[in-house]
């Protein structure tokens, strides 16, 4: 099985109800069954997400996300085969908001704390997300 990493950006659709805790709980449960890992960053306005796993499973999940009305203006930033996972301990990690520490992490890699999906360097974005994940407690379970 090929290991694939997909990275996307989307905006939150403000006309749709969003319970982030419920969303991440469902993601973790479903991803665990599919051996998917990754990290979701949500700042209240937009999502940045990395999904890792089998090519078929990653593709199917991305297509479900693309149909989800809570997302709008979805932009696929990258989808590549990889040798190893960057987020192996996360069935789906979640980092929310923009505090001083988060801002410092973004500014280490970008000229601003706003991510422009049309010009973002995906490798730098993955570095940002790895740094953010270091602040979180892993949530993968062995079912």
Protein backbone atom coordinates (compact mmCIF):
# COMPACT_ATOMS: atom_id res chain seq x y z
CA UNK A 1 0.00 0.00 0.00
CA UNK A 2 1.31 3.42 -0.96
CA UNK A 3 1.42 5.97 1.83
CA UNK A 4 -0.05 9.28 0.71
CA UNK A 5 -0.06 12.75 2.28
CA UNK A 6 -2.72 15.26 1.26
CA UNK A 7 -2.75 18.90 2.36
CA UNK A 8 -5.64 21.28 1.75
CA UNK A 9 -6.96 24.70 2.71
CA UNK A 10 -10.60 25.67 3.01
CA UNK A 11 -12.70 28.46 4.40
CA UNK A 12 -15.40 27.87 6.96
CA UNK A 13 -18.88 28.29 5.56
CA UNK A 14 -20.40 30.66 8.15
CA UNK A 15 -23.95 29.71 7.16
CA UNK A 16 -23.39 26.12 8.38
CA UNK A 17 -23.38 25.09 12.04
CA UNK A 18 -19.99 23.85 13.22
CA UNK A 19 -19.25 22.03 16.46
CA UNK A 20 -15.47 21.59 16.32
CA UNK A 21 -15.36 19.16 19.25
CA UNK A 22 -17.93 16.92 17.57
CA UNK A 23 -16.14 17.22 14.22
CA UNK A 24 -12.78 16.16 15.64
CA UNK A 25 -14.33 13.31 17.63
CA UNK A 26 -15.95 11.88 14.49
CA UNK A 27 -12.70 12.38 12.53
CA UNK A 28 -10.66 10.56 15.13
CA UNK A 29 -13.06 7.63 15.32
CA UNK A 30 -13.39 7.23 11.54
CA UNK A 31 -9.72 7.86 10.78
CA UNK A 32 -8.59 5.33 13.34
CA UNK A 33 -10.57 2.62 11.55
CA UNK A 34 -9.02 3.60 8.20
CA UNK A 35 -5.45 3.92 9.58
CA UNK A 36 -5.48 7.61 8.68
CA UNK A 37 -3.45 10.17 10.59
CA UNK A 38 -3.05 13.92 10.37
CA UNK A 39 -3.60 17.32 11.85
CA UNK A 40 -6.29 19.96 11.47
CA UNK A 41 -5.60 23.62 12.19
CA UNK A 42 -8.67 25.82 12.53
CA UNK A 43 -8.51 29.53 13.31
CA UNK A 44 -12.25 30.20 13.23
CA UNK A 45 -12.22 31.32 9.59
CA UNK A 46 -10.23 28.71 7.70
CA UNK A 47 -8.99 25.15 7.93
CA UNK A 48 -5.56 23.76 7.11
CA UNK A 49 -5.44 20.00 7.18
CA UNK A 50 -2.97 17.23 6.51
CA UNK A 51 -4.27 13.70 5.98
CA UNK A 52 -1.93 10.68 5.77
CA UNK A 53 -2.67 7.08 4.94
CA UNK A 54 -3.42 4.74 2.09
CA UNK A 55 -3.99 6.43 -1.26
CA UNK A 56 -7.57 5.14 -1.64
CA UNK A 57 -8.56 6.07 1.92
CA UNK A 58 -7.00 9.55 1.73
CA UNK A 59 -8.67 10.22 -1.62
CA UNK A 60 -12.08 9.04 -0.38
CA UNK A 61 -11.83 11.22 2.73
CA UNK A 62 -10.81 14.28 0.74
CA UNK A 63 -13.80 13.83 -1.58
CA UNK A 64 -16.13 13.61 1.45
CA UNK A 65 -14.59 16.81 2.86
CA UNK A 66 -15.00 18.55 -0.50
CA UNK A 67 -18.76 17.77 -0.39
CA UNK A 68 -19.11 18.86 3.25
CA UNK A 69 -21.15 22.11 3.37
CA UNK A 70 -19.14 23.36 6.37
CA UNK A 71 -16.26 23.98 3.95
CA UNK A 72 -16.09 26.47 1.10
CA UNK A 73 -13.37 27.48 -1.35
CA UNK A 74 -11.42 24.26 -0.89
CA UNK A 75 -7.94 24.34 -2.41
CA UNK A 76 -5.86 21.18 -2.74
CA UNK A 77 -2.33 22.27 -1.86
CA UNK A 78 -0.53 18.96 -2.22
CA UNK A 79 -1.12 15.24 -2.65
CA UNK A 80 2.03 13.13 -2.77
CA UNK A 81 3.29 9.65 -2.02
CA UNK A 82 5.58 9.69 1.01
CA UNK A 83 7.92 7.27 2.78
CA UNK A 84 6.69 7.98 6.30
CA UNK A 85 4.02 9.82 8.25
CA UNK A 86 4.66 13.23 9.79
CA UNK A 87 1.79 12.78 12.27
CA UNK A 88 1.91 9.08 13.22
CA UNK A 89 0.49 9.66 16.73
CA UNK A 90 -2.60 11.50 15.56
CA UNK A 91 -5.79 9.86 14.29
CA UNK A 92 -6.56 13.57 13.82
CA UNK A 93 -4.94 16.23 15.93
CA UNK A 94 -6.60 19.61 16.35
CA UNK A 95 -4.98 22.97 16.93
CA UNK A 96 -7.30 25.96 17.18
CA UNK A 97 -6.93 29.70 17.34
CA UNK A 98 -4.14 32.20 17.06
CA UNK A 99 -2.37 33.07 20.29
CA UNK A 100 1.09 34.60 20.67
CA UNK A 101 2.84 31.21 20.53
CA UNK A 102 0.94 30.18 17.39
CA UNK A 103 1.67 33.56 15.76
CA UNK A 104 5.39 33.11 16.53
CA UNK A 105 5.35 29.70 14.84
CA UNK A 106 3.66 31.07 11.71
CA UNK A 107 6.06 34.04 11.56
CA UNK A 108 9.06 31.72 11.78
CA UNK A 109 8.11 30.27 8.38
CA UNK A 110 6.01 32.99 6.68
CA UNK A 111 6.10 36.77 6.36
CA UNK A 112 2.67 37.02 8.02
CA UNK A 113 0.46 34.91 10.26
CA UNK A 114 -2.15 34.75 7.47
CA UNK A 115 -1.82 31.79 5.09
CA UNK A 116 -2.36 32.60 1.43
CA UNK A 117 -3.32 29.26 -0.13
CA UNK A 118 -2.33 30.49 -3.59
CA UNK A 119 1.29 31.17 -2.64
CA UNK A 120 2.00 29.04 0.42
CA UNK A 121 5.04 26.79 0.33
CA UNK A 122 3.63 23.41 1.36
CA UNK A 123 6.87 22.21 2.95
CA UNK A 124 6.93 25.28 5.21
CA UNK A 125 3.25 24.77 6.00
CA UNK A 126 3.97 21.18 7.04
CA UNK A 127 6.76 22.49 9.29
CA UNK A 128 4.29 24.91 10.89
CA UNK A 129 1.77 22.14 11.48
CA UNK A 130 4.43 19.86 12.98
CA UNK A 131 5.48 22.64 15.35
CA UNK A 132 1.85 23.20 16.33
CA UNK A 133 1.33 19.47 16.89
CA UNK A 134 4.23 19.43 19.37
CA UNK A 135 2.04 21.48 21.71
CA UNK A 136 -0.77 18.90 21.71
CA UNK A 137 -1.34 15.58 23.44
CA UNK A 138 -1.48 12.68 20.94
CA UNK A 139 -4.90 11.13 20.43
CA UNK A 140 -4.40 7.92 18.47
CA UNK A 141 -5.95 4.83 19.96
CA UNK A 142 -5.35 1.15 19.40
CA UNK A 143 -8.77 -0.39 18.69
